[in-house]
C-alpha atoms as a PDB file:
ATOM      1  CA  MET A   1      67.342 -41.508 -11.565  1.00  0.00           C
ATOM      2  CA  LYS A   2      65.234 -39.846 -14.554  1.00  0.00           C
ATOM      3  CA  THR A   3      63.304 -36.414 -14.197  1.00  0.00           C
ATOM      4  CA  TYR A   4      59.942 -36.283 -16.189  1.00  0.00           C
ATOM      5  CA  LEU A   5      58.681 -32.725 -16.730  1.00  0.00           C
ATOM      6  CA  ALA A   6      54.730 -31.615 -15.550  1.00  0.00           C
ATOM      7  CA  GLY A   7      52.168 -31.746 -18.188  1.00  0.00           C
ATOM      8  CA  GLN A   8      48.875 -32.820 -19.299  1.00  0.00           C
ATOM      9  CA  SER A   9      47.498 -35.718 -21.644  1.00  0.00           C
ATOM     10  CA  VAL A  10      45.234 -34.517 -24.819  1.00  0.00           C
ATOM     11  CA  GLY A  11      42.098 -35.548 -22.710  1.00  0.00           C
ATOM     12  CA  GLN A  12      38.712 -36.980 -23.909  1.00  0.00           C
ATOM     13  CA  PRO A  13      35.414 -35.266 -24.540  1.00  0.00           C
ATOM     14  CA  PHE A  14      32.991 -36.112 -21.533  1.00  0.00           C
ATOM     15  CA  ASP A  15      29.288 -34.538 -21.514  1.00  0.00           C
ATOM     16  CA  THR A  16      27.102 -34.928 -18.667  1.00  0.00           C
ATOM     17  CA  GLY A  17      23.805 -35.019 -20.568  1.00  0.00           C
ATOM     18  CA  SER A  18      22.966 -31.386 -19.790  1.00  0.00           C
ATOM     19  CA  THR A  19      23.011 -30.627 -23.795  1.00  0.00           C
ATOM     20  CA  ARG A  20      20.628 -31.838 -26.052  1.00  0.00           C
ATOM     21  CA  THR A  21      19.375 -31.412 -29.694  1.00  0.00           C
ATOM     22  CA  VAL A  22      15.833 -31.364 -31.053  1.00  0.00           C
ATOM     23  CA  ALA A  23      15.018 -34.112 -33.842  1.00  0.00           C
ATOM     24  CA  VAL A  24      12.009 -33.155 -35.964  1.00  0.00           C
ATOM     25  CA  THR A  25      10.662 -35.952 -37.934  1.00  0.00           C
ATOM     26  CA  ALA A  26       7.169 -36.135 -40.144  1.00  0.00           C
ATOM     27  CA  GLU A  27       6.365 -32.647 -41.345  1.00  0.00           C
ATOM     28  CA  ALA A  28       3.639 -32.376 -43.043  1.00  0.00           C
ATOM     29  CA  LEU A  29       0.810 -29.918 -44.365  1.00  0.00           C
ATOM     30  CA  ASP A  30      -2.472 -30.713 -44.482  1.00  0.00           C
ATOM     31  CA  VAL A  31      -3.015 -28.998 -47.990  1.00  0.00           C
ATOM     32  CA  SER A  32      -0.419 -28.483 -50.492  1.00  0.00           C
ATOM     33  CA  SER A  33      -1.169 -24.961 -51.995  1.00  0.00           C
ATOM     34  CA  GLY A  34      -3.317 -22.424 -50.904  1.00  0.00           C
ATOM     35  CA  PHE A  35      -4.556 -18.959 -51.099  1.00  0.00           C
ATOM     36  CA  GLU A  36      -3.678 -15.420 -49.136  1.00  0.00           C
ATOM     37  CA  GLY A  37      -5.833 -15.671 -45.501  1.00  0.00           C
ATOM     38  CA  GLU A  38      -6.195 -19.212 -45.925  1.00  0.00           C
ATOM     39  CA  THR A  39      -5.736 -21.534 -42.791  1.00  0.00           C
ATOM     40  CA  VAL A  40      -3.265 -24.211 -43.003  1.00  0.00           C
ATOM     41  CA  VAL A  41      -1.518 -26.850 -40.497  1.00  0.00           C
ATOM     42  CA  TYR A  42       1.424 -27.544 -40.263  1.00  0.00           C
ATOM     43  CA  THR A  43       2.270 -31.172 -38.397  1.00  0.00           C
ATOM     44  CA  ALA A  44       6.001 -33.048 -37.168  1.00  0.00           C
ATOM     45  CA  THR A  45       6.740 -35.301 -34.900  1.00  0.00           C
ATOM     46  CA  VAL A  46       9.346 -33.327 -32.366  1.00  0.00           C
ATOM     47  CA  LYS A  47      11.541 -34.520 -29.396  1.00  0.00           C
ATOM     48  CA  ASP A  48      14.741 -34.583 -28.130  1.00  0.00           C
ATOM     49  CA  ASP A  49      17.589 -36.776 -29.370  1.00  0.00           C
ATOM     50  CA  GLN A  50      17.215 -38.652 -26.650  1.00  0.00           C
ATOM     51  CA  GLY A  51      13.558 -39.701 -27.592  1.00  0.00           C
ATOM     52  CA  GLU A  52      11.999 -37.539 -25.332  1.00  0.00           C
ATOM     53  CA  ALA A  53       9.222 -35.130 -25.105  1.00  0.00           C
ATOM     54  CA  LEU A  54      10.089 -31.553 -24.879  1.00  0.00           C
ATOM     55  CA  PRO A  55       9.530 -29.295 -21.773  1.00  0.00           C
ATOM     56  CA  ILE A  56       5.961 -27.331 -22.167  1.00  0.00           C
ATOM     57  CA  ALA A  57       8.554 -24.030 -21.909  1.00  0.00           C
ATOM     58  CA  PHE A  58      10.343 -24.844 -24.863  1.00  0.00           C
ATOM     59  CA  VAL A  59       9.735 -22.464 -27.856  1.00  0.00           C
ATOM     60  CA  VAL A  60       9.334 -22.363 -31.306  1.00  0.00           C
ATOM     61  CA  ASP A  61       8.610 -20.820 -34.538  1.00  0.00           C
ATOM     62  CA  LEU A  62       7.422 -21.487 -37.922  1.00  0.00           C
ATOM     63  CA  LEU A  63       8.944 -19.312 -40.506  1.00  0.00           C
ATOM     64  CA  ILE A  64       7.943 -19.392 -44.197  1.00  0.00           C
ATOM     65  CA  ASN A  65      10.972 -18.750 -46.236  1.00  0.00           C
ATOM     66  CA  GLY A  66      12.701 -17.323 -43.844  1.00  0.00           C
ATOM     67  CA  THR A  67       9.925 -15.056 -42.348  1.00  0.00           C
ATOM     68  CA  GLU A  68       7.861 -15.821 -39.209  1.00  0.00           C
ATOM     69  CA  ILE A  69       4.057 -16.699 -39.764  1.00  0.00           C
ATOM     70  CA  VAL A  70       4.369 -18.193 -36.213  1.00  0.00           C
ATOM     71  CA  SER A  71       5.961 -16.441 -33.260  1.00  0.00           C
ATOM     72  CA  ASP A  72       7.252 -17.713 -30.108  1.00  0.00           C
ATOM     73  CA  GLN A  73       4.679 -20.627 -29.431  1.00  0.00           C
ATOM     74  CA  VAL A  74       5.451 -22.334 -26.605  1.00  0.00           C
ATOM     75  CA  LEU A  75       5.028 -26.345 -26.356  1.00  0.00           C
ATOM     76  CA  ASP A  76       1.570 -26.091 -24.241  1.00  0.00           C
ATOM     77  CA  ALA A  77      -1.069 -29.120 -24.332  1.00  0.00           C
ATOM     78  CA  VAL A  78      -3.025 -27.203 -27.371  1.00  0.00           C
ATOM     79  CA  VAL A  79      -0.267 -27.606 -29.481  1.00  0.00           C
ATOM     80  CA  TYR A  80       1.967 -30.094 -28.532  1.00  0.00           C
ATOM     81  CA  ASP A  81       1.423 -34.096 -27.382  1.00  0.00           C
ATOM     82  CA  PRO A  82       4.139 -35.026 -25.043  1.00  0.00           C
ATOM     83  CA  ILE A  83       2.992 -38.767 -25.133  1.00  0.00           C
ATOM     84  CA  THR A  84       3.077 -38.948 -29.109  1.00  0.00           C
ATOM     85  CA  PHE A  85       5.423 -35.759 -29.582  1.00  0.00           C
ATOM     86  CA  LEU A  86       2.730 -34.581 -32.010  1.00  0.00           C
ATOM     87  CA  LEU A  87       3.112 -31.031 -32.657  1.00  0.00           C
ATOM     88  CA  THR A  88      -0.105 -29.036 -34.315  1.00  0.00           C
ATOM     89  CA  LEU A  89       0.569 -25.385 -35.215  1.00  0.00           C
ATOM     90  CA  SER A  90      -2.310 -23.644 -37.830  1.00  0.00           C
ATOM     91  CA  TRP A  91      -1.037 -20.454 -39.930  1.00  0.00           C
ATOM     92  CA  ILE A  92      -2.362 -18.198 -42.289  1.00  0.00           C
ATOM     93  CA  VAL A  93      -1.163 -17.800 -45.763  1.00  0.00           C
ATOM     94  CA  PRO A  94       0.611 -14.808 -46.214  1.00  0.00           C
ATOM     95  CA  ALA A  95       0.588 -12.324 -49.111  1.00  0.00           C
ATOM     96  CA  GLY A  96       2.807 -13.527 -52.570  1.00  0.00           C
ATOM     97  CA  GLU A  97       2.785 -15.937 -54.935  1.00  0.00           C
ATOM     98  CA  GLY A  98       5.393 -18.637 -55.867  1.00  0.00           C
ATOM     99  CA  SER A  99       6.753 -21.695 -54.207  1.00  0.00           C
ATOM    100  CA  PHE A 100       7.455 -21.286 -50.621  1.00  0.00           C
ATOM    101  CA  THR A 101       9.686 -23.635 -47.587  1.00  0.00           C
ATOM    102  CA  VAL A 102       7.540 -23.823 -44.629  1.00  0.00           C
ATOM    103  CA  LYS A 103       9.673 -24.854 -41.461  1.00  0.00           C
ATOM    104  CA  LEU A 104       9.847 -25.557 -38.016  1.00  0.00           C
ATOM    105  CA  SER A 105      13.015 -22.953 -36.227  1.00  0.00           C
ATOM    106  CA  TRP A 106      14.290 -22.538 -32.031  1.00  0.00           C
ATOM    107  CA  ASP A 107      16.669 -20.720 -30.867  1.00  0.00           C
ATOM    108  CA  GLU A 108      19.135 -22.196 -28.049  1.00  0.00           C
ATOM    109  CA  GLN A 109      16.889 -22.403 -24.828  1.00  0.00           C
ATOM    110  CA  LYS A 110      18.282 -23.554 -21.363  1.00  0.00           C
ATOM    111  CA  ILE A 111      15.474 -24.637 -19.516  1.00  0.00           C
END
């Protein structure tokens, strides 16, 4: 007779699909330079990793060199098309001179 001790296998990861990531592609600005106070339009294709539109309650920020220039923007019909996944955000050029990077940013959200 042999005795086998109790135990557990190492296991395999398994996701139920409740966690998604956001994919941002085709980022563009309508102009490549501007002066303080001018309006610039940022566009991007934004969807989740499953190729689906983000929910209307999803919130994003637009940053220029880490400083928020658009804060807490919900993806409503004014700025986001859930069919084409096109996000369009207008922003005003802040004071300062130099080269800057404009980025879309978002926090973890449970919607």
